[in-house]
């Protein structure tokens, strides 16, 4: 599998940084034009090579080297394609919810896979809802092809030479390592310096555990597994502290910005904007916080993979909508890095040989994990069962997740309305078996018609 390596510049020359930033700014204009012209339905089916050839026939020129704008074009078109494919995933979910006919689903999915959806009015309407026109906000990156740079060793570290704006002149950049990067480079300019990103082929270790576990995401911790173990318990405190500090900082910055806007003294206005409203220190602190969050999440996922060969979880990339917990809690949840957790699960499991299986999460946090029935109530970190037993809410939800792997009635894309109808029916039938064990509603009769998950539950209680 491919993994990304990140190298940092070691005390780069300010003049070189300024030249690289100017080059990145010009390439950002190329990237913006690609998104503007080809980031919608007009760019579907167009490859970067076709666009490049058309520009060359038209005599288009850019104030950068030819290889630089060609690689930027290729990278931007790749981002547009990834954005389109992500929208297709959402469109397929919508089609599964609204189209129950299997033959019609297959026809729509086949059209959605290629370019056929562009001629179907229904699919075009669906895609317009899910695929919003993107805009470029990246003006600090340079893509360098593998044959456009050289590397050498000097002073106990690796240096790279990349093309600059002046033809025939190269810019040498010292790195903080002795490892020489390979393949295509992505140079990312930041306030404090620059980063060099490149990909390498990593071997799969196959050193995961041997069990099947379910995991539930949390706020106070990264994950809770079906064994009841909490992984990454420091995440909640880290997110809360970072969110509260940002709230106080932005409140003070807003006051200073208001003073700068009201004052009639231009020198005072410029002084405030230059020395009090800058982003350099703030961005550096945000980068440090994000690094700590990623480190915590990846360590927690590694501890889960140490135990499991199969990990059942919900789709962590799906947005959490329809809930409001108050301003402070909503603000902290907005910083909740579900995407980082999903990325860590996918990356770590792939590298260590385990498998992540996505299941339907509907009502897993409202079911009693001991019976599989929808007869409890969650309040905060506690789950109150109908018989008076109180369970830890996240542990209870995590135990319900692996049961969805073998549930014949609730598939991954079963609509939650259907799940809401299935679970109360199961609860009622189980209650009849346990409370009225007569001939008309005997356990044997129920066991002959129910699913395997409910058969196991009834057998344990009868």
Protein backbone atom coordinates (compact mmCIF):
# COMPACT_ATOMS: atom_id res chain seq x y z
CA UNK A 1 0.00 0.00 0.00
CA UNK A 2 1.05 3.61 -0.55
CA UNK A 3 1.76 5.84 2.42
CA UNK A 4 2.79 9.49 2.54
CA UNK A 5 6.07 10.62 4.05
CA UNK A 6 6.58 14.23 5.17
CA UNK A 7 9.98 15.92 5.31
CA UNK A 8 10.64 19.41 6.66
CA UNK A 9 13.05 22.05 5.47
CA UNK A 10 16.03 22.69 7.75
CA UNK A 11 16.47 26.47 8.19
CA UNK A 12 15.55 27.44 4.60
CA UNK A 13 16.88 30.66 3.13
CA UNK A 14 14.28 33.50 3.35
CA UNK A 15 15.01 34.59 -0.21
CA UNK A 16 14.44 31.06 -1.50
CA UNK A 17 11.19 30.84 0.45
CA UNK A 18 10.00 34.10 -1.08
CA UNK A 19 10.76 32.80 -4.59
CA UNK A 20 8.93 29.53 -3.90
CA UNK A 21 5.91 31.38 -2.50
CA UNK A 22 5.70 33.49 -5.63
CA UNK A 23 5.86 30.37 -7.77
CA UNK A 24 3.16 28.70 -5.64
CA UNK A 25 0.98 31.81 -5.97
CA UNK A 26 1.17 31.71 -9.76
CA UNK A 27 0.45 28.00 -9.82
CA UNK A 28 -2.52 28.65 -7.55
CA UNK A 29 -4.00 30.80 -10.31
CA UNK A 30 -3.67 27.86 -12.71
CA UNK A 31 -5.34 25.59 -10.17
CA UNK A 32 -8.19 28.09 -9.70
CA UNK A 33 -8.82 28.26 -13.45
CA UNK A 34 -8.98 24.45 -13.67
CA UNK A 35 -11.54 24.29 -10.88
CA UNK A 36 -13.56 27.14 -12.36
CA UNK A 37 -13.72 25.74 -15.90
CA UNK A 38 -13.73 21.98 -15.29
CA UNK A 39 -14.98 21.56 -11.72
CA UNK A 40 -18.57 20.95 -12.83
CA UNK A 41 -20.45 18.82 -15.35
CA UNK A 42 -18.58 20.49 -18.22
CA UNK A 43 -15.39 18.72 -17.09
CA UNK A 44 -16.85 15.21 -16.71
CA UNK A 45 -14.92 12.78 -18.90
CA UNK A 46 -12.14 15.23 -19.72
CA UNK A 47 -8.66 14.05 -18.81
CA UNK A 48 -5.87 16.39 -17.85
CA UNK A 49 -4.04 15.39 -21.04
CA UNK A 50 -6.94 16.49 -23.23
CA UNK A 51 -7.16 19.81 -21.41
CA UNK A 52 -3.39 20.28 -21.67
CA UNK A 53 -3.38 19.54 -25.41
CA UNK A 54 -6.29 21.94 -25.98
CA UNK A 55 -4.46 24.70 -24.09
CA UNK A 56 -1.33 24.12 -26.13
CA UNK A 57 -3.27 24.30 -29.39
CA UNK A 58 -4.81 27.57 -28.24
CA UNK A 59 -1.35 28.96 -27.46
CA UNK A 60 -1.99 29.34 -23.72
CA UNK A 61 1.05 30.47 -21.72
CA UNK A 62 1.62 30.77 -17.99
CA UNK A 63 4.31 32.69 -16.04
CA UNK A 64 5.82 29.42 -14.75
CA UNK A 65 7.71 26.54 -16.32
CA UNK A 66 5.78 24.17 -18.58
CA UNK A 67 6.30 21.14 -16.35
CA UNK A 68 5.08 23.11 -13.31
CA UNK A 69 1.71 24.13 -14.78
CA UNK A 70 1.19 20.71 -16.40
CA UNK A 71 1.69 18.95 -13.05
CA UNK A 72 -0.57 21.48 -11.33
CA UNK A 73 -3.23 20.83 -13.97
CA UNK A 74 -2.93 17.08 -13.43
CA UNK A 75 -3.15 17.44 -9.65
CA UNK A 76 -6.17 19.78 -9.77
CA UNK A 77 -8.00 17.50 -12.20
CA UNK A 78 -7.30 14.58 -9.88
CA UNK A 79 -8.84 16.53 -6.99
CA UNK A 80 -11.92 17.28 -9.12
CA UNK A 81 -12.27 13.58 -9.97
CA UNK A 82 -11.98 12.61 -6.29
CA UNK A 83 -14.61 15.22 -5.43
CA UNK A 84 -16.91 13.77 -8.09
CA UNK A 85 -16.45 10.20 -6.84
CA UNK A 86 -17.23 11.29 -3.27
CA UNK A 87 -20.45 12.86 -4.54
CA UNK A 88 -21.33 9.61 -6.32
CA UNK A 89 -21.05 7.73 -3.03
CA UNK A 90 -23.63 10.08 -1.49
CA UNK A 91 -25.80 9.77 -4.59
CA UNK A 92 -25.77 5.97 -4.32
CA UNK A 93 -26.95 6.22 -0.72
CA UNK A 94 -29.80 8.45 -1.80
CA UNK A 95 -30.73 6.04 -4.62
CA UNK A 96 -30.78 3.09 -2.22
CA UNK A 97 -33.14 4.96 0.08
CA UNK A 98 -35.54 6.11 -2.63
CA UNK A 99 -35.38 3.24 -5.14
CA UNK A 100 -36.27 -0.23 -3.85
CA UNK A 101 -36.45 -1.96 -7.25
CA UNK A 102 -33.20 -3.94 -7.61
CA UNK A 103 -33.22 -3.87 -11.41
CA UNK A 104 -33.73 -0.10 -11.44
CA UNK A 105 -30.97 0.29 -8.85
CA UNK A 106 -28.54 -1.65 -11.03
CA UNK A 107 -29.43 0.47 -14.05
CA UNK A 108 -28.91 3.71 -12.13
CA UNK A 109 -25.67 2.50 -10.56
CA UNK A 110 -24.32 1.44 -13.97
CA UNK A 111 -25.16 4.86 -15.42
CA UNK A 112 -23.62 6.58 -12.40
CA UNK A 113 -20.40 4.61 -12.74
CA UNK A 114 -19.47 6.16 -16.07
CA UNK A 115 -20.70 9.22 -17.93
CA UNK A 116 -24.21 7.90 -18.56
CA UNK A 117 -25.66 9.91 -15.69
CA UNK A 118 -25.03 13.17 -17.55
CA UNK A 119 -27.82 12.27 -20.01
CA UNK A 120 -30.31 11.06 -17.38
CA UNK A 121 -32.47 13.92 -15.98
CA UNK A 122 -33.15 12.08 -12.71
CA UNK A 123 -29.47 11.30 -12.06
CA UNK A 124 -28.46 14.82 -13.05
CA UNK A 125 -30.89 16.17 -10.45
CA UNK A 126 -29.50 13.83 -7.80
CA UNK A 127 -25.91 14.77 -8.65
CA UNK A 128 -26.70 18.49 -8.53
CA UNK A 129 -27.75 18.01 -4.92
CA UNK A 130 -24.65 16.07 -3.92
CA UNK A 131 -21.95 17.54 -6.18
CA UNK A 132 -21.42 21.19 -5.41
CA UNK A 133 -19.10 23.25 -7.58
CA UNK A 134 -15.73 23.41 -5.88
CA UNK A 135 -13.42 26.40 -5.60
CA UNK A 136 -9.69 26.46 -5.19
CA UNK A 137 -8.23 27.76 -1.95
CA UNK A 138 -4.77 26.26 -2.44
CA UNK A 139 -2.12 28.83 -3.34
CA UNK A 140 0.83 27.42 -1.41
CA UNK A 141 1.68 24.17 -3.21
CA UNK A 142 4.13 23.19 -5.95
CA UNK A 143 4.00 19.77 -7.65
CA UNK A 144 7.43 18.62 -8.83
CA UNK A 145 7.70 15.65 -11.20
CA UNK A 146 10.20 12.92 -10.42
CA UNK A 147 12.48 13.83 -13.35
CA UNK A 148 12.42 17.57 -12.56
CA UNK A 149 14.47 17.56 -9.35
CA UNK A 150 17.73 16.17 -8.06
CA UNK A 151 18.97 15.21 -4.60
CA UNK A 152 22.40 15.26 -2.99
CA UNK A 153 24.01 14.94 0.45
CA UNK A 154 25.75 17.89 2.09
CA UNK A 155 26.50 18.72 5.71
CA UNK A 156 24.99 15.49 7.05
CA UNK A 157 21.57 16.06 5.50
CA UNK A 158 19.70 15.65 2.23
CA UNK A 159 19.23 18.55 -0.18
CA UNK A 160 16.83 18.77 -3.10
CA UNK A 161 17.08 21.02 -6.14
CA UNK A 162 13.81 22.03 -7.77
CA UNK A 163 13.13 24.35 -10.73
CA UNK A 164 12.49 28.00 -9.98
CA UNK A 165 10.80 30.78 -11.94
CA UNK A 166 13.95 31.66 -13.86
CA UNK A 167 14.66 29.20 -16.65
CA UNK A 168 17.80 27.16 -16.03
CA UNK A 169 18.08 28.13 -12.35
CA UNK A 170 17.25 25.72 -9.55
CA UNK A 171 16.51 26.29 -5.88
CA UNK A 172 18.35 24.11 -3.37
CA UNK A 173 16.44 23.23 -0.21
CA UNK A 174 18.03 21.56 2.86
CA UNK A 175 15.91 18.87 4.56
CA UNK A 176 15.93 17.61 8.12
CA UNK A 177 16.83 14.04 7.17
CA UNK A 178 19.37 11.93 5.35
CA UNK A 179 16.62 10.04 3.48
CA UNK A 180 16.30 11.02 -0.16
CA UNK A 181 12.70 11.43 -1.37
CA UNK A 182 11.54 9.62 -4.49
CA UNK A 183 8.73 9.99 -7.00
CA UNK A 184 6.56 13.09 -7.40
CA UNK A 185 7.00 15.72 -4.69
CA UNK A 186 4.41 18.04 -3.24
CA UNK A 187 6.03 21.17 -1.81
CA UNK A 188 3.75 22.87 0.74
CA UNK A 189 4.75 26.39 1.79
CA UNK A 190 3.90 27.41 5.35
CA UNK A 191 4.55 30.50 7.44
CA UNK A 192 7.43 28.91 9.33
CA UNK A 193 8.97 27.03 6.38
CA UNK A 194 7.98 24.28 4.00
CA UNK A 195 7.13 20.58 3.90
CA UNK A 196 8.01 18.01 1.25
CA UNK A 197 5.40 15.26 0.78
CA UNK A 198 6.02 12.09 -1.23
CA UNK A 199 4.58 8.58 -1.31
CA UNK A 200 6.31 5.25 -0.81
CA UNK A 201 5.21 1.63 -1.02
CA UNK A 202 4.80 0.13 2.46
CA UNK A 203 4.58 -3.59 3.13
CA UNK A 204 1.61 -5.14 4.93
CA UNK A 205 2.84 -6.68 8.19
CA UNK A 206 -0.10 -9.01 9.05
CA UNK A 207 0.54 -8.60 12.78
CA UNK A 208 -3.02 -7.82 13.85
CA UNK A 209 -5.09 -9.74 16.38
CA UNK A 210 -7.39 -12.67 15.61
CA UNK A 211 -10.76 -11.58 17.01
CA UNK A 212 -13.85 -9.80 15.70
CA UNK A 213 -14.63 -6.59 17.58
CA UNK A 214 -17.13 -3.78 17.30
CA UNK A 215 -16.07 -0.20 18.05
CA UNK A 216 -18.05 2.93 18.83
CA UNK A 217 -16.67 6.43 18.47
CA UNK A 218 -16.70 8.69 21.47
CA UNK A 219 -15.92 12.23 22.50
CA UNK A 220 -14.17 11.61 25.80
CA UNK A 221 -12.15 8.83 24.12
CA UNK A 222 -11.24 7.86 20.57
CA UNK A 223 -12.93 4.45 20.49
CA UNK A 224 -14.71 2.03 22.79
CA UNK A 225 -14.62 -1.63 21.75
CA UNK A 226 -17.12 -4.40 22.41
CA UNK A 227 -14.89 -5.74 25.21
CA UNK A 228 -15.56 -2.54 27.12
CA UNK A 229 -12.02 -1.19 26.73
CA UNK A 230 -11.62 2.57 26.18
CA UNK A 231 -8.89 3.58 23.74
CA UNK A 232 -7.41 7.08 23.68
CA UNK A 233 -9.16 8.41 26.82
CA UNK A 234 -7.22 11.68 26.67
CA UNK A 235 -8.88 12.81 23.43
CA UNK A 236 -11.87 14.49 25.11
CA UNK A 237 -9.74 16.65 27.38
CA UNK A 238 -7.49 17.58 24.45
CA UNK A 239 -10.39 18.62 22.21
CA UNK A 240 -12.17 20.52 24.99
CA UNK A 241 -9.04 22.43 25.99
CA UNK A 242 -8.23 23.34 22.37
CA UNK A 243 -11.80 24.39 21.62
CA UNK A 244 -12.15 26.55 24.73
CA UNK A 245 -8.80 28.25 24.10
CA UNK A 246 -9.79 29.03 20.52
CA UNK A 247 -13.10 30.46 21.74
CA UNK A 248 -11.33 32.85 24.11
CA UNK A 249 -8.68 33.74 21.54
CA UNK A 250 -11.16 34.51 18.75
CA UNK A 251 -13.27 36.55 21.14
CA UNK A 252 -10.28 38.75 21.95
CA UNK A 253 -9.33 39.01 18.28
CA UNK A 254 -12.87 40.08 17.42
CA UNK A 255 -12.65 42.92 19.94
CA UNK A 256 -9.32 44.06 18.51
CA UNK A 257 -10.69 43.87 14.96
CA UNK A 258 -13.65 46.01 16.00
CA UNK A 259 -11.28 48.60 17.51
CA UNK A 260 -9.21 48.63 14.32
CA UNK A 261 -12.32 49.14 12.20
CA UNK A 262 -13.61 52.00 14.40
CA UNK A 263 -10.42 53.95 14.87
CA UNK A 264 -9.71 56.97 12.67
CA UNK A 265 -5.97 56.70 13.21
CA UNK A 266 -4.52 54.82 10.21
CA UNK A 267 -1.25 54.07 12.02
CA UNK A 268 -3.11 52.49 14.93
CA UNK A 269 -5.30 50.50 12.55
CA UNK A 270 -2.30 49.16 10.66
CA UNK A 271 -0.42 48.43 13.90
CA UNK A 272 -3.31 46.33 15.26
CA UNK A 273 -3.74 44.40 12.02
CA UNK A 274 -0.04 43.72 11.70
CA UNK A 275 0.91 42.82 15.27
CA UNK A 276 -2.35 41.61 16.85
CA UNK A 277 -4.39 40.01 14.08
CA UNK A 278 -1.72 37.93 12.33
CA UNK A 279 -2.10 34.21 11.66
CA UNK A 280 1.48 32.94 11.95
CA UNK A 281 1.50 32.05 15.64
CA UNK A 282 -2.14 30.92 15.59
CA UNK A 283 -1.57 28.60 12.61
CA UNK A 284 1.51 27.14 14.28
CA UNK A 285 -0.50 26.39 17.43
CA UNK A 286 -3.30 24.84 15.38
CA UNK A 287 -0.80 22.62 13.58
CA UNK A 288 0.61 21.46 16.91
CA UNK A 289 -2.87 20.67 18.23
CA UNK A 290 -3.77 18.73 15.09
CA UNK A 291 -0.55 16.77 15.35
CA UNK A 292 -1.36 15.81 18.96
CA UNK A 293 -4.88 14.77 17.96
CA UNK A 294 -3.61 12.60 15.09
CA UNK A 295 -0.98 11.01 17.34
CA UNK A 296 -3.60 10.17 19.97
CA UNK A 297 -6.03 8.76 17.41
CA UNK A 298 -3.48 6.59 15.62
CA UNK A 299 -2.12 5.18 18.89
CA UNK A 300 -5.66 4.28 19.98
CA UNK A 301 -6.42 2.57 16.65
CA UNK A 302 -3.20 0.55 16.93
CA UNK A 303 -4.34 -0.81 20.30
CA UNK A 304 -7.63 -1.91 18.72
CA UNK A 305 -5.87 -3.61 15.81
CA UNK A 306 -3.63 -5.40 18.31
CA UNK A 307 -6.75 -7.32 19.35
CA UNK A 308 -8.87 -7.59 16.20
CA UNK A 309 -8.65 -9.08 12.71
CA UNK A 310 -12.15 -7.81 11.85
CA UNK A 311 -13.35 -4.42 13.12
CA UNK A 312 -17.02 -3.55 12.80
CA UNK A 313 -17.85 0.14 12.88
CA UNK A 314 -20.25 2.69 11.50
CA UNK A 315 -19.36 5.03 8.67
CA UNK A 316 -17.43 7.73 10.49
CA UNK A 317 -17.42 10.02 7.47
CA UNK A 318 -21.21 10.49 7.57
CA UNK A 319 -22.26 13.88 9.01
CA UNK A 320 -24.08 14.04 12.34
CA UNK A 321 -27.16 16.15 11.69
CA UNK A 322 -30.44 16.84 13.41
CA UNK A 323 -28.97 17.14 16.91
CA UNK A 324 -28.19 20.18 19.03
CA UNK A 325 -26.54 20.04 22.44
CA UNK A 326 -26.05 23.73 23.17
CA UNK A 327 -23.47 26.22 21.95
CA UNK A 328 -20.47 24.99 23.91
CA UNK A 329 -21.05 21.30 23.22
CA UNK A 330 -21.81 21.92 19.54
CA UNK A 331 -18.59 23.92 19.23
CA UNK A 332 -16.57 21.10 20.80
CA UNK A 333 -18.24 18.47 18.65
CA UNK A 334 -17.43 20.54 15.56
CA UNK A 335 -13.76 19.94 16.38
CA UNK A 336 -14.42 16.22 16.81
CA UNK A 337 -12.14 14.67 14.22
CA UNK A 338 -14.24 11.78 12.94
CA UNK A 339 -12.45 12.01 9.62
CA UNK A 340 -9.10 11.46 11.34
CA UNK A 341 -10.48 8.39 13.14
CA UNK A 342 -11.83 6.99 9.85
CA UNK A 343 -8.49 7.65 8.16
CA UNK A 344 -6.60 5.98 11.00
CA UNK A 345 -8.82 2.89 10.93
CA UNK A 346 -8.38 2.52 7.19
CA UNK A 347 -4.64 3.19 7.17
CA UNK A 348 -3.62 1.13 10.21
CA UNK A 349 -5.84 -1.83 9.36
CA UNK A 350 -4.51 -1.92 5.79
CA UNK A 351 -0.91 -1.84 6.91
CA UNK A 352 -1.36 -4.48 9.60
CA UNK A 353 -3.63 -6.89 7.74
CA UNK A 354 -6.93 -6.42 9.54
CA UNK A 355 -10.29 -5.65 7.94
CA UNK A 356 -12.71 -2.80 8.68
CA UNK A 357 -16.37 -3.62 7.96
CA UNK A 358 -18.93 -0.81 7.92
CA UNK A 359 -22.34 -1.65 9.41
CA UNK A 360 -25.66 0.09 9.81
CA UNK A 361 -25.44 2.24 12.98
CA UNK A 362 -29.15 3.01 13.33
CA UNK A 363 -30.29 2.79 16.97
CA UNK A 364 -27.19 0.91 18.18
CA UNK A 365 -26.87 3.45 21.00
CA UNK A 366 -30.53 2.95 22.04
CA UNK A 367 -30.58 -0.86 22.15
CA UNK A 368 -29.96 -3.01 25.19
CA UNK A 369 -26.84 -4.99 24.27
CA UNK A 370 -27.87 -7.85 26.57
CA UNK A 371 -31.16 -8.55 24.79
CA UNK A 372 -30.90 -6.73 21.47
CA UNK A 373 -34.19 -4.97 22.23
CA UNK A 374 -35.11 -1.35 21.80
CA UNK A 375 -36.36 -0.84 25.34
CA UNK A 376 -33.76 1.34 27.06
CA UNK A 377 -32.87 5.02 27.22
CA UNK A 378 -29.54 6.77 26.93
CA UNK A 379 -28.73 9.82 29.03
CA UNK A 380 -25.21 11.12 28.60
CA UNK A 381 -22.70 8.39 29.37
CA UNK A 382 -25.31 6.11 30.94
CA UNK A 383 -27.77 3.70 29.39
CA UNK A 384 -30.81 2.87 31.54
CA UNK A 385 -32.25 -0.57 30.78
CA UNK A 386 -35.91 -1.41 31.24
CA UNK A 387 -35.10 -3.76 34.16
CA UNK A 388 -33.26 -1.05 36.10
CA UNK A 389 -29.71 -2.03 35.13
CA UNK A 390 -27.46 0.90 34.19
CA UNK A 391 -24.75 0.34 31.54
CA UNK A 392 -21.98 2.54 30.25
CA UNK A 393 -23.51 4.04 27.10
CA UNK A 394 -20.52 3.79 24.77
CA UNK A 395 -19.72 0.24 25.87
CA UNK A 396 -23.35 -0.73 25.31
CA UNK A 397 -23.33 0.75 21.79
CA UNK A 398 -20.02 -0.92 20.94
CA UNK A 399 -21.46 -4.34 21.90
CA UNK A 400 -24.41 -3.79 19.58
CA UNK A 401 -22.21 -3.02 16.57
CA UNK A 402 -20.74 -6.52 15.87
CA UNK A 403 -24.24 -8.04 16.05
CA UNK A 404 -25.07 -6.11 12.85
CA UNK A 405 -22.47 -8.15 10.97
CA UNK A 406 -24.71 -11.24 11.02
CA UNK A 407 -28.11 -9.56 11.17
CA UNK A 408 -30.09 -10.85 8.15
CA UNK A 409 -32.73 -8.11 8.38
CA UNK A 410 -30.60 -5.00 8.89
CA UNK A 411 -28.06 -4.46 6.16
CA UNK A 412 -25.64 -1.56 5.94
CA UNK A 413 -27.91 0.60 3.79
CA UNK A 414 -31.24 -0.39 5.32
CA UNK A 415 -33.13 2.89 5.89
CA UNK A 416 -33.39 3.88 9.53
CA UNK A 417 -37.18 3.98 9.22
CA UNK A 418 -37.10 0.28 8.35
CA UNK A 419 -34.72 -0.41 11.26
CA UNK A 420 -37.07 1.49 13.54
CA UNK A 421 -39.88 -0.84 12.47
CA UNK A 422 -37.82 -4.04 12.83
CA UNK A 423 -36.48 -3.49 16.33
CA UNK A 424 -39.78 -2.81 18.18
CA UNK A 425 -41.30 -5.85 16.49
CA UNK A 426 -38.44 -8.00 17.77
CA UNK A 427 -38.78 -6.50 21.23
CA UNK A 428 -42.49 -7.24 21.36
CA UNK A 429 -42.07 -10.82 20.17
CA UNK A 430 -39.34 -11.46 22.73
CA UNK A 431 -41.51 -9.97 25.47
CA UNK A 432 -44.36 -12.30 24.50
CA UNK A 433 -42.06 -15.30 24.67
CA UNK A 434 -40.66 -14.39 28.05
CA UNK A 435 -43.91 -13.28 29.73
CA UNK A 436 -46.46 -15.58 28.08
CA UNK A 437 -44.89 -18.98 27.45
CA UNK A 438 -48.17 -20.57 26.32
CA UNK A 439 -48.77 -22.85 23.36
CA UNK A 440 -49.80 -20.03 20.99
CA UNK A 441 -46.57 -18.12 21.56
CA UNK A 442 -44.07 -20.76 22.60
CA UNK A 443 -40.31 -20.27 22.33
CA UNK A 444 -40.11 -23.11 19.82
CA UNK A 445 -42.66 -21.43 17.56
CA UNK A 446 -40.86 -18.10 17.72
CA UNK A 447 -37.47 -19.72 17.22
CA UNK A 448 -38.70 -21.34 14.04
CA UNK A 449 -39.48 -17.99 12.42
CA UNK A 450 -37.03 -15.49 13.86
CA UNK A 451 -33.55 -14.49 12.68
CA UNK A 452 -30.41 -16.05 14.12
CA UNK A 453 -29.61 -13.02 16.30
CA UNK A 454 -33.02 -13.13 17.96
CA UNK A 455 -32.90 -16.93 18.27
CA UNK A 456 -29.69 -16.63 20.28
CA UNK A 457 -31.19 -13.95 22.53
CA UNK A 458 -34.36 -15.95 23.19
CA UNK A 459 -32.39 -19.11 23.87
CA UNK A 460 -30.28 -17.30 26.48
CA UNK A 461 -33.32 -16.03 28.34
CA UNK A 462 -35.66 -19.06 28.11
